[in-house]
């Protein structure tokens, strides 16, 4: 297994496993994808499943010292006054793309480290970018669901800054809204634009990567409570066309042929096997 960072800043991995180990990994990926599907992430693929497996492994660490040892620490350069030139890197020096930096600092835990001439002089106390009390108000206002039109995700929601904190945006309710992790990443990758005032019921505007406004379809399908009703009349094609029954084969229930064969066995006039062969449906043994 080899790990490296590509030239475009993305994380790459490649590996080869024995067949038995590979089947274990494959089964674990399937379980992680199913877990994401049950949480409402219907488009989750193998990459999302792998991240889910890694996150579940880190969340299972009970020892606080061990959890602190394997915490993912990212460092933001704040020496420059130009926010567009700020960069983020991990402990190994790998740079994190700007879109991911804004995504992580939008709703995460920040431990400030104060630097003087490139050396840490003090370490601040961990604090949430969005306080817990503010998140509670936002969850109540947004009814605990993603605000993107057409998205009904209610689990794993994140708080997004309409105007990012590094661009002068405040941690106020009118600048914060609930979004699912999928749409949060889409926004910070430039595939979803969100503007407006989150405190107003219709104060937000959503646009896709082509600039088109996204609105809710209003569809409210009624879930079936039983089998469909029987047709009231014989079906008639709109243009009067006929159905060529020679090209369609309707397979009756198996009990139909069982009863038919029993009747033919008791009837001496139809005891010939060639008649039985004619009523044998395709694939029936």
C-alpha atoms as a PDB file:
ATOM      1  CA  UNK A   1       0.000   0.000   0.000  1.00  0.00           C
ATOM      2  CA  UNK A   2       1.397   3.400  -1.000  1.00  0.00           C
ATOM      3  CA  UNK A   3       0.106   6.893  -0.145  1.00  0.00           C
ATOM      4  CA  UNK A   4       1.054  10.208  -1.705  1.00  0.00           C
ATOM      5  CA  UNK A   5      -0.231  13.669  -2.588  1.00  0.00           C
ATOM      6  CA  UNK A   6      -0.794  14.472  -6.233  1.00  0.00           C
ATOM      7  CA  UNK A   7       0.296  17.681  -7.946  1.00  0.00           C
ATOM      8  CA  UNK A   8      -3.246  19.075  -7.777  1.00  0.00           C
ATOM      9  CA  UNK A   9      -3.338  18.642  -3.980  1.00  0.00           C
ATOM     10  CA  UNK A  10      -5.515  15.519  -3.962  1.00  0.00           C
ATOM     11  CA  UNK A  11      -4.700  12.501  -1.810  1.00  0.00           C
ATOM     12  CA  UNK A  12      -3.828   9.314  -3.705  1.00  0.00           C
ATOM     13  CA  UNK A  13      -3.485   5.727  -2.564  1.00  0.00           C
ATOM     14  CA  UNK A  14      -2.780   2.449  -4.316  1.00  0.00           C
ATOM     15  CA  UNK A  15      -2.316  -1.067  -3.037  1.00  0.00           C
ATOM     16  CA  UNK A  16      -2.484  -4.794  -3.613  1.00  0.00           C
ATOM     17  CA  UNK A  17      -3.897  -7.323  -1.125  1.00  0.00           C
ATOM     18  CA  UNK A  18      -4.221 -11.070  -0.850  1.00  0.00           C
ATOM     19  CA  UNK A  19      -7.542 -12.456  -2.015  1.00  0.00           C
ATOM     20  CA  UNK A  20      -8.863 -13.174   1.480  1.00  0.00           C
ATOM     21  CA  UNK A  21      -7.831  -9.759   2.816  1.00  0.00           C
ATOM     22  CA  UNK A  22      -9.325  -8.109  -0.254  1.00  0.00           C
ATOM     23  CA  UNK A  23     -12.672  -9.788   0.354  1.00  0.00           C
ATOM     24  CA  UNK A  24     -12.670  -8.456   3.924  1.00  0.00           C
ATOM     25  CA  UNK A  25     -11.999  -4.914   2.680  1.00  0.00           C
ATOM     26  CA  UNK A  26     -14.655  -5.306  -0.007  1.00  0.00           C
ATOM     27  CA  UNK A  27     -17.246  -6.431   2.550  1.00  0.00           C
ATOM     28  CA  UNK A  28     -16.335  -3.533   4.857  1.00  0.00           C
ATOM     29  CA  UNK A  29     -16.730  -1.039   2.000  1.00  0.00           C
ATOM     30  CA  UNK A  30     -20.144  -2.487   1.163  1.00  0.00           C
ATOM     31  CA  UNK A  31     -21.187  -2.131   4.810  1.00  0.00           C
ATOM     32  CA  UNK A  32     -19.962   1.482   4.927  1.00  0.00           C
ATOM     33  CA  UNK A  33     -21.825   2.353   1.706  1.00  0.00           C
ATOM     34  CA  UNK A  34     -24.989   0.782   3.099  1.00  0.00           C
ATOM     35  CA  UNK A  35     -24.556   2.791   6.323  1.00  0.00           C
ATOM     36  CA  UNK A  36     -24.279   6.002   4.292  1.00  0.00           C
ATOM     37  CA  UNK A  37     -27.307   4.982   2.224  1.00  0.00           C
ATOM     38  CA  UNK A  38     -29.359   4.448   5.401  1.00  0.00           C
ATOM     39  CA  UNK A  39     -28.342   7.968   6.506  1.00  0.00           C
ATOM     40  CA  UNK A  40     -29.666   9.435   3.255  1.00  0.00           C
ATOM     41  CA  UNK A  41     -26.463   9.712   1.187  1.00  0.00           C
ATOM     42  CA  UNK A  42     -27.809   7.804  -1.816  1.00  0.00           C
ATOM     43  CA  UNK A  43     -24.941   8.765  -4.118  1.00  0.00           C
ATOM     44  CA  UNK A  44     -22.115   7.512  -1.887  1.00  0.00           C
ATOM     45  CA  UNK A  45     -19.404   5.603  -3.740  1.00  0.00           C
ATOM     46  CA  UNK A  46     -16.300   3.675  -2.788  1.00  0.00           C
ATOM     47  CA  UNK A  47     -14.350   6.833  -1.889  1.00  0.00           C
ATOM     48  CA  UNK A  48     -17.052   8.018   0.522  1.00  0.00           C
ATOM     49  CA  UNK A  49     -17.268   4.504   1.981  1.00  0.00           C
ATOM     50  CA  UNK A  50     -13.513   4.427   2.591  1.00  0.00           C
ATOM     51  CA  UNK A  51     -13.664   7.770   4.428  1.00  0.00           C
ATOM     52  CA  UNK A  52     -16.618   6.480   6.460  1.00  0.00           C
ATOM     53  CA  UNK A  53     -14.583   3.404   7.460  1.00  0.00           C
ATOM     54  CA  UNK A  54     -11.655   5.569   8.525  1.00  0.00           C
ATOM     55  CA  UNK A  55     -13.907   7.933  10.491  1.00  0.00           C
ATOM     56  CA  UNK A  56     -15.603   5.004  12.240  1.00  0.00           C
ATOM     57  CA  UNK A  57     -12.193   3.611  13.200  1.00  0.00           C
ATOM     58  CA  UNK A  58     -11.097   6.933  14.738  1.00  0.00           C
ATOM     59  CA  UNK A  59     -14.425   7.409  16.529  1.00  0.00           C
ATOM     60  CA  UNK A  60     -14.078   3.987  18.152  1.00  0.00           C
ATOM     61  CA  UNK A  61     -10.907   5.000  20.056  1.00  0.00           C
ATOM     62  CA  UNK A  62     -11.927   5.310  23.714  1.00  0.00           C
ATOM     63  CA  UNK A  63      -8.616   6.282  25.313  1.00  0.00           C
ATOM     64  CA  UNK A  64      -8.356  10.131  25.326  1.00  0.00           C
ATOM     65  CA  UNK A  65      -4.562  10.019  25.042  1.00  0.00           C
ATOM     66  CA  UNK A  66      -4.751   7.704  22.062  1.00  0.00           C
ATOM     67  CA  UNK A  67      -7.477   9.816  20.441  1.00  0.00           C
ATOM     68  CA  UNK A  68      -5.269  12.906  20.822  1.00  0.00           C
ATOM     69  CA  UNK A  69      -2.323  11.036  19.318  1.00  0.00           C
ATOM     70  CA  UNK A  70      -4.230  10.142  16.146  1.00  0.00           C
ATOM     71  CA  UNK A  71      -6.113  13.415  15.763  1.00  0.00           C
ATOM     72  CA  UNK A  72      -5.835  15.000  12.326  1.00  0.00           C
ATOM     73  CA  UNK A  73      -4.101  18.364  12.866  1.00  0.00           C
ATOM     74  CA  UNK A  74      -4.062  20.995  10.135  1.00  0.00           C
ATOM     75  CA  UNK A  75      -2.098  24.234  10.352  1.00  0.00           C
ATOM     76  CA  UNK A  76      -3.267  27.540   8.868  1.00  0.00           C
ATOM     77  CA  UNK A  77      -0.756  30.203   7.993  1.00  0.00           C
ATOM     78  CA  UNK A  78      -2.095  33.494   9.392  1.00  0.00           C
ATOM     79  CA  UNK A  79       1.097  35.539   9.102  1.00  0.00           C
ATOM     80  CA  UNK A  80      -0.160  37.317   5.987  1.00  0.00           C
ATOM     81  CA  UNK A  81      -2.911  39.942   6.070  1.00  0.00           C
ATOM     82  CA  UNK A  82      -4.203  38.809   2.670  1.00  0.00           C
ATOM     83  CA  UNK A  83      -6.814  36.098   3.316  1.00  0.00           C
ATOM     84  CA  UNK A  84      -6.494  34.841  -0.272  1.00  0.00           C
ATOM     85  CA  UNK A  85      -2.865  33.886   0.411  1.00  0.00           C
ATOM     86  CA  UNK A  86      -3.555  31.860   3.548  1.00  0.00           C
ATOM     87  CA  UNK A  87      -2.701  28.201   3.204  1.00  0.00           C
ATOM     88  CA  UNK A  88      -3.294  25.069   5.238  1.00  0.00           C
ATOM     89  CA  UNK A  89      -0.979  22.097   5.661  1.00  0.00           C
ATOM     90  CA  UNK A  90      -0.816  18.971   7.762  1.00  0.00           C
ATOM     91  CA  UNK A  91       1.986  17.941  10.094  1.00  0.00           C
ATOM     92  CA  UNK A  92       3.936  16.408   7.201  1.00  0.00           C
ATOM     93  CA  UNK A  93       3.793  19.629   5.204  1.00  0.00           C
ATOM     94  CA  UNK A  94       1.221  18.485   2.634  1.00  0.00           C
ATOM     95  CA  UNK A  95      -0.792  21.460   1.432  1.00  0.00           C
ATOM     96  CA  UNK A  96      -4.591  21.347   1.605  1.00  0.00           C
ATOM     97  CA  UNK A  97      -6.527  22.981  -1.277  1.00  0.00           C
ATOM     98  CA  UNK A  98      -8.242  26.276  -0.461  1.00  0.00           C
ATOM     99  CA  UNK A  99     -11.727  24.785  -0.995  1.00  0.00           C
ATOM    100  CA  UNK A 100     -11.056  22.074   1.590  1.00  0.00           C
ATOM    101  CA  UNK A 101      -9.546  24.627   3.995  1.00  0.00           C
ATOM    102  CA  UNK A 102     -12.697  26.740   3.884  1.00  0.00           C
ATOM    103  CA  UNK A 103     -14.847  23.611   4.237  1.00  0.00           C
ATOM    104  CA  UNK A 104     -12.985  22.390   7.336  1.00  0.00           C
ATOM    105  CA  UNK A 105     -12.910  25.781   9.039  1.00  0.00           C
ATOM    106  CA  UNK A 106     -16.602  26.329   8.289  1.00  0.00           C
ATOM    107  CA  UNK A 107     -17.786  23.773  10.820  1.00  0.00           C
ATOM    108  CA  UNK A 108     -15.029  22.147  12.840  1.00  0.00           C
ATOM    109  CA  UNK A 109     -12.976  22.270  15.990  1.00  0.00           C
ATOM    110  CA  UNK A 110     -10.176  24.848  15.954  1.00  0.00           C
ATOM    111  CA  UNK A 111      -7.205  24.846  18.309  1.00  0.00           C
ATOM    112  CA  UNK A 112      -5.432  28.169  17.790  1.00  0.00           C
ATOM    113  CA  UNK A 113      -1.633  28.088  17.867  1.00  0.00           C
ATOM    114  CA  UNK A 114       0.030  31.489  18.110  1.00  0.00           C
ATOM    115  CA  UNK A 115       3.277  31.860  16.183  1.00  0.00           C
ATOM    116  CA  UNK A 116       6.100  34.350  16.489  1.00  0.00           C
ATOM    117  CA  UNK A 117       8.762  34.187  13.770  1.00  0.00           C
ATOM    118  CA  UNK A 118       7.427  30.776  12.779  1.00  0.00           C
ATOM    119  CA  UNK A 119       7.677  29.304  16.324  1.00  0.00           C
ATOM    120  CA  UNK A 120       4.682  28.421  18.519  1.00  0.00           C
ATOM    121  CA  UNK A 121       4.587  30.569  21.666  1.00  0.00           C
ATOM    122  CA  UNK A 122       1.285  29.363  23.195  1.00  0.00           C
ATOM    123  CA  UNK A 123      -1.509  26.942  22.463  1.00  0.00           C
ATOM    124  CA  UNK A 124      -5.108  28.057  22.909  1.00  0.00           C
ATOM    125  CA  UNK A 125      -8.051  26.062  24.254  1.00  0.00           C
ATOM    126  CA  UNK A 126     -10.073  24.024  21.745  1.00  0.00           C
ATOM    127  CA  UNK A 127     -13.271  25.800  20.806  1.00  0.00           C
ATOM    128  CA  UNK A 128     -15.977  25.339  18.232  1.00  0.00           C
ATOM    129  CA  UNK A 129     -16.170  27.817  15.396  1.00  0.00           C
ATOM    130  CA  UNK A 130     -19.971  27.686  15.771  1.00  0.00           C
ATOM    131  CA  UNK A 131     -20.930  27.574  19.496  1.00  0.00           C
ATOM    132  CA  UNK A 132     -23.234  24.775  20.579  1.00  0.00           C
ATOM    133  CA  UNK A 133     -25.962  27.210  21.632  1.00  0.00           C
ATOM    134  CA  UNK A 134     -25.898  28.905  18.223  1.00  0.00           C
ATOM    135  CA  UNK A 135     -26.101  25.545  16.442  1.00  0.00           C
ATOM    136  CA  UNK A 136     -29.154  24.655  18.549  1.00  0.00           C
ATOM    137  CA  UNK A 137     -30.923  27.812  17.369  1.00  0.00           C
ATOM    138  CA  UNK A 138     -30.002  27.093  13.742  1.00  0.00           C
ATOM    139  CA  UNK A 139     -31.226  23.489  13.948  1.00  0.00           C
ATOM    140  CA  UNK A 140     -34.561  24.682  15.347  1.00  0.00           C
ATOM    141  CA  UNK A 141     -34.908  27.364  12.667  1.00  0.00           C
ATOM    142  CA  UNK A 142     -34.027  24.999   9.777  1.00  0.00           C
ATOM    143  CA  UNK A 143     -36.197  22.178  11.204  1.00  0.00           C
ATOM    144  CA  UNK A 144     -33.182  19.882  11.449  1.00  0.00           C
ATOM    145  CA  UNK A 145     -32.873  19.379   7.670  1.00  0.00           C
ATOM    146  CA  UNK A 146     -30.607  20.481   4.833  1.00  0.00           C
ATOM    147  CA  UNK A 147     -31.716  23.831   3.388  1.00  0.00           C
ATOM    148  CA  UNK A 148     -30.792  22.966  -0.215  1.00  0.00           C
ATOM    149  CA  UNK A 149     -34.027  22.612  -2.250  1.00  0.00           C
ATOM    150  CA  UNK A 150     -34.902  18.999  -2.948  1.00  0.00           C
ATOM    151  CA  UNK A 151     -32.607  17.584  -0.243  1.00  0.00           C
ATOM    152  CA  UNK A 152     -34.294  15.849   2.686  1.00  0.00           C
ATOM    153  CA  UNK A 153     -31.156  14.826   4.592  1.00  0.00           C
ATOM    154  CA  UNK A 154     -31.581  15.053   8.362  1.00  0.00           C
ATOM    155  CA  UNK A 155     -28.502  13.185   9.623  1.00  0.00           C
ATOM    156  CA  UNK A 156     -24.863  14.279   9.635  1.00  0.00           C
ATOM    157  CA  UNK A 157     -25.746  17.929   9.013  1.00  0.00           C
ATOM    158  CA  UNK A 158     -23.115  20.674   9.115  1.00  0.00           C
ATOM    159  CA  UNK A 159     -23.248  24.423   9.674  1.00  0.00           C
ATOM    160  CA  UNK A 160     -22.162  26.544   6.710  1.00  0.00           C
ATOM    161  CA  UNK A 161     -21.070  30.191   6.721  1.00  0.00           C
ATOM    162  CA  UNK A 162     -22.646  32.121   3.852  1.00  0.00           C
ATOM    163  CA  UNK A 163     -19.764  34.589   4.090  1.00  0.00           C
ATOM    164  CA  UNK A 164     -16.743  32.701   5.311  1.00  0.00           C
ATOM    165  CA  UNK A 165     -15.103  33.789   8.536  1.00  0.00           C
ATOM    166  CA  UNK A 166     -11.794  34.512   6.809  1.00  0.00           C
ATOM    167  CA  UNK A 167     -13.629  36.902   4.460  1.00  0.00           C
ATOM    168  CA  UNK A 168     -15.206  38.851   7.279  1.00  0.00           C
ATOM    169  CA  UNK A 169     -18.338  36.779   7.832  1.00  0.00           C
ATOM    170  CA  UNK A 170     -19.664  36.627  11.374  1.00  0.00           C
ATOM    171  CA  UNK A 171     -20.915  33.671  13.375  1.00  0.00           C
ATOM    172  CA  UNK A 172     -24.465  35.035  13.408  1.00  0.00           C
ATOM    173  CA  UNK A 173     -27.656  33.157  12.625  1.00  0.00           C
ATOM    174  CA  UNK A 174     -28.345  35.161   9.461  1.00  0.00           C
ATOM    175  CA  UNK A 175     -24.962  34.008   8.111  1.00  0.00           C
ATOM    176  CA  UNK A 176     -25.335  30.330   9.105  1.00  0.00           C
ATOM    177  CA  UNK A 177     -27.479  27.513   7.739  1.00  0.00           C
ATOM    178  CA  UNK A 178     -27.710  23.741   7.923  1.00  0.00           C
ATOM    179  CA  UNK A 179     -26.486  21.724   4.945  1.00  0.00           C
ATOM    180  CA  UNK A 180     -25.607  18.072   4.470  1.00  0.00           C
ATOM    181  CA  UNK A 181     -21.976  17.121   4.004  1.00  0.00           C
ATOM    182  CA  UNK A 182     -22.505  16.396   0.290  1.00  0.00           C
ATOM    183  CA  UNK A 183     -23.863  19.854  -0.550  1.00  0.00           C
ATOM    184  CA  UNK A 184     -21.364  21.494   1.821  1.00  0.00           C
ATOM    185  CA  UNK A 185     -18.482  20.010  -0.151  1.00  0.00           C
ATOM    186  CA  UNK A 186     -20.163  20.874  -3.455  1.00  0.00           C
ATOM    187  CA  UNK A 187     -20.350  24.517  -2.398  1.00  0.00           C
ATOM    188  CA  UNK A 188     -16.697  24.782  -1.403  1.00  0.00           C
ATOM    189  CA  UNK A 189     -15.684  23.086  -4.654  1.00  0.00           C
ATOM    190  CA  UNK A 190     -17.564  25.689  -6.712  1.00  0.00           C
ATOM    191  CA  UNK A 191     -20.437  23.423  -7.774  1.00  0.00           C
ATOM    192  CA  UNK A 192     -23.132  25.057  -5.628  1.00  0.00           C
ATOM    193  CA  UNK A 193     -23.611  28.764  -4.861  1.00  0.00           C
ATOM    194  CA  UNK A 194     -25.543  29.881  -1.779  1.00  0.00           C
ATOM    195  CA  UNK A 195     -26.341  33.546  -1.081  1.00  0.00           C
ATOM    196  CA  UNK A 196     -28.847  35.551   0.940  1.00  0.00           C
ATOM    197  CA  UNK A 197     -30.099  35.834   4.512  1.00  0.00           C
ATOM    198  CA  UNK A 198     -30.595  32.537   6.323  1.00  0.00           C
ATOM    199  CA  UNK A 199     -32.966  34.021   8.932  1.00  0.00           C
ATOM    200  CA  UNK A 200     -35.612  34.805   6.318  1.00  0.00           C
ATOM    201  CA  UNK A 201     -37.863  31.911   5.193  1.00  0.00           C
ATOM    202  CA  UNK A 202     -37.275  32.648   1.489  1.00  0.00           C
ATOM    203  CA  UNK A 203     -34.103  34.640   1.923  1.00  0.00           C
ATOM    204  CA  UNK A 204     -31.665  32.135   0.388  1.00  0.00           C
ATOM    205  CA  UNK A 205     -30.847  31.645  -3.266  1.00  0.00           C
ATOM    206  CA  UNK A 206     -29.228  28.445  -4.550  1.00  0.00           C
ATOM    207  CA  UNK A 207     -27.543  28.169  -7.944  1.00  0.00           C
ATOM    208  CA  UNK A 208     -25.786  25.259  -9.622  1.00  0.00           C
ATOM    209  CA  UNK A 209     -22.362  25.406 -11.221  1.00  0.00           C
ATOM    210  CA  UNK A 210     -23.932  26.809 -14.430  1.00  0.00           C
ATOM    211  CA  UNK A 211     -25.592  29.709 -12.612  1.00  0.00           C
ATOM    212  CA  UNK A 212     -29.129  28.330 -12.808  1.00  0.00           C
ATOM    213  CA  UNK A 213     -31.399  28.846  -9.792  1.00  0.00           C
ATOM    214  CA  UNK A 214     -32.299  25.664  -7.928  1.00  0.00           C
ATOM    215  CA  UNK A 215     -35.870  25.523  -6.641  1.00  0.00           C
ATOM    216  CA  UNK A 216     -37.890  22.817  -4.948  1.00  0.00           C
ATOM    217  CA  UNK A 217     -39.977  20.787  -7.392  1.00  0.00           C
ATOM    218  CA  UNK A 218     -42.934  20.620  -5.032  1.00  0.00           C
ATOM    219  CA  UNK A 219     -43.416  16.928  -5.749  1.00  0.00           C
ATOM    220  CA  UNK A 220     -45.051  15.049  -2.900  1.00  0.00           C
ATOM    221  CA  UNK A 221     -45.534  11.437  -4.000  1.00  0.00           C
ATOM    222  CA  UNK A 222     -48.116   9.419  -2.117  1.00  0.00           C
ATOM    223  CA  UNK A 223     -46.716   6.173  -0.801  1.00  0.00           C
ATOM    224  CA  UNK A 224     -48.808   3.109  -1.792  1.00  0.00           C
ATOM    225  CA  UNK A 225     -50.786   1.473   0.980  1.00  0.00           C
ATOM    226  CA  UNK A 226     -51.730  -1.667  -0.963  1.00  0.00           C
ATOM    227  CA  UNK A 227     -51.904  -3.260  -4.422  1.00  0.00           C
ATOM    228  CA  UNK A 228     -53.118  -1.116  -7.339  1.00  0.00           C
ATOM    229  CA  UNK A 229     -56.873  -1.198  -8.024  1.00  0.00           C
ATOM    230  CA  UNK A 230     -58.270  -3.463 -10.718  1.00  0.00           C
ATOM    231  CA  UNK A 231     -58.859  -1.781 -14.101  1.00  0.00           C
ATOM    232  CA  UNK A 232     -62.402  -0.533 -14.519  1.00  0.00           C
ATOM    233  CA  UNK A 233     -62.485  -1.183 -18.276  1.00  0.00           C
ATOM    234  CA  UNK A 234     -60.520  -2.829 -21.082  1.00  0.00           C
ATOM    235  CA  UNK A 235     -57.435  -0.809 -21.996  1.00  0.00           C
ATOM    236  CA  UNK A 236     -57.672   1.121 -25.240  1.00  0.00           C
ATOM    237  CA  UNK A 237     -54.571   2.541 -26.908  1.00  0.00           C
ATOM    238  CA  UNK A 238     -54.755   6.330 -27.452  1.00  0.00           C
ATOM    239  CA  UNK A 239     -54.163   6.110 -31.231  1.00  0.00           C
ATOM    240  CA  UNK A 240     -56.219   2.948 -31.708  1.00  0.00           C
ATOM    241  CA  UNK A 241     -53.217   0.677 -32.217  1.00  0.00           C
ATOM    242  CA  UNK A 242     -53.425  -3.003 -31.443  1.00  0.00           C
ATOM    243  CA  UNK A 243     -51.208  -5.176 -29.299  1.00  0.00           C
ATOM    244  CA  UNK A 244     -49.418  -7.910 -31.213  1.00  0.00           C
ATOM    245  CA  UNK A 245     -49.888 -10.821 -28.841  1.00  0.00           C
ATOM    246  CA  UNK A 246     -47.595 -12.981 -30.949  1.00  0.00           C
ATOM    247  CA  UNK A 247     -44.612 -11.015 -29.624  1.00  0.00           C
ATOM    248  CA  UNK A 248     -45.604 -11.211 -25.954  1.00  0.00           C
ATOM    249  CA  UNK A 249     -45.799 -14.202 -23.688  1.00  0.00           C
ATOM    250  CA  UNK A 250     -47.639 -13.888 -20.394  1.00  0.00           C
ATOM    251  CA  UNK A 251     -46.498 -16.582 -18.018  1.00  0.00           C
ATOM    252  CA  UNK A 252     -49.471 -17.779 -15.898  1.00  0.00           C
ATOM    253  CA  UNK A 253     -48.932 -18.887 -12.297  1.00  0.00           C
ATOM    254  CA  UNK A 254     -47.342 -22.281 -11.798  1.00  0.00           C
ATOM    255  CA  UNK A 255     -50.532 -23.578 -10.167  1.00  0.00           C
ATOM    256  CA  UNK A 256     -52.400 -22.987 -13.444  1.00  0.00           C
ATOM    257  CA  UNK A 257     -50.244 -25.520 -15.295  1.00  0.00           C
ATOM    258  CA  UNK A 258     -50.355 -27.944 -12.375  1.00  0.00           C
ATOM    259  CA  UNK A 259     -54.140 -27.940 -12.403  1.00  0.00           C
ATOM    260  CA  UNK A 260     -54.268 -28.160 -16.188  1.00  0.00           C
ATOM    261  CA  UNK A 261     -51.930 -31.136 -16.307  1.00  0.00           C
ATOM    262  CA  UNK A 262     -53.931 -32.891 -13.605  1.00  0.00           C
ATOM    263  CA  UNK A 263     -57.143 -32.460 -15.574  1.00  0.00           C
ATOM    264  CA  UNK A 264     -55.505 -33.728 -18.754  1.00  0.00           C
ATOM    265  CA  UNK A 265     -54.155 -36.813 -16.986  1.00  0.00           C
ATOM    266  CA  UNK A 266     -57.618 -37.734 -15.806  1.00  0.00           C
ATOM    267  CA  UNK A 267     -59.094 -37.118 -19.272  1.00  0.00           C
ATOM    268  CA  UNK A 268     -58.304 -40.083 -21.545  1.00  0.00           C
ATOM    269  CA  UNK A 269     -58.682 -37.956 -24.663  1.00  0.00           C
ATOM    270  CA  UNK A 270     -55.685 -35.814 -23.711  1.00  0.00           C
ATOM    271  CA  UNK A 271     -53.374 -38.407 -22.239  1.00  0.00           C
ATOM    272  CA  UNK A 272     -50.956 -38.169 -25.159  1.00  0.00           C
ATOM    273  CA  UNK A 273     -47.646 -36.638 -24.087  1.00  0.00           C
ATOM    274  CA  UNK A 274     -47.518 -34.325 -27.112  1.00  0.00           C
ATOM    275  CA  UNK A 275     -50.405 -32.384 -25.664  1.00  0.00           C
ATOM    276  CA  UNK A 276     -48.622 -32.086 -22.351  1.00  0.00           C
ATOM    277  CA  UNK A 277     -45.578 -30.715 -24.140  1.00  0.00           C
ATOM    278  CA  UNK A 278     -47.665 -27.964 -25.706  1.00  0.00           C
ATOM    279  CA  UNK A 279     -48.703 -26.589 -22.346  1.00  0.00           C
ATOM    280  CA  UNK A 280     -45.168 -26.707 -20.949  1.00  0.00           C
ATOM    281  CA  UNK A 281     -44.139 -23.040 -20.530  1.00  0.00           C
ATOM    282  CA  UNK A 282     -40.605 -21.908 -21.338  1.00  0.00           C
ATOM    283  CA  UNK A 283     -38.142 -22.591 -18.542  1.00  0.00           C
ATOM    284  CA  UNK A 284     -40.633 -24.568 -16.439  1.00  0.00           C
ATOM    285  CA  UNK A 285     -39.316 -27.893 -15.119  1.00  0.00           C
END
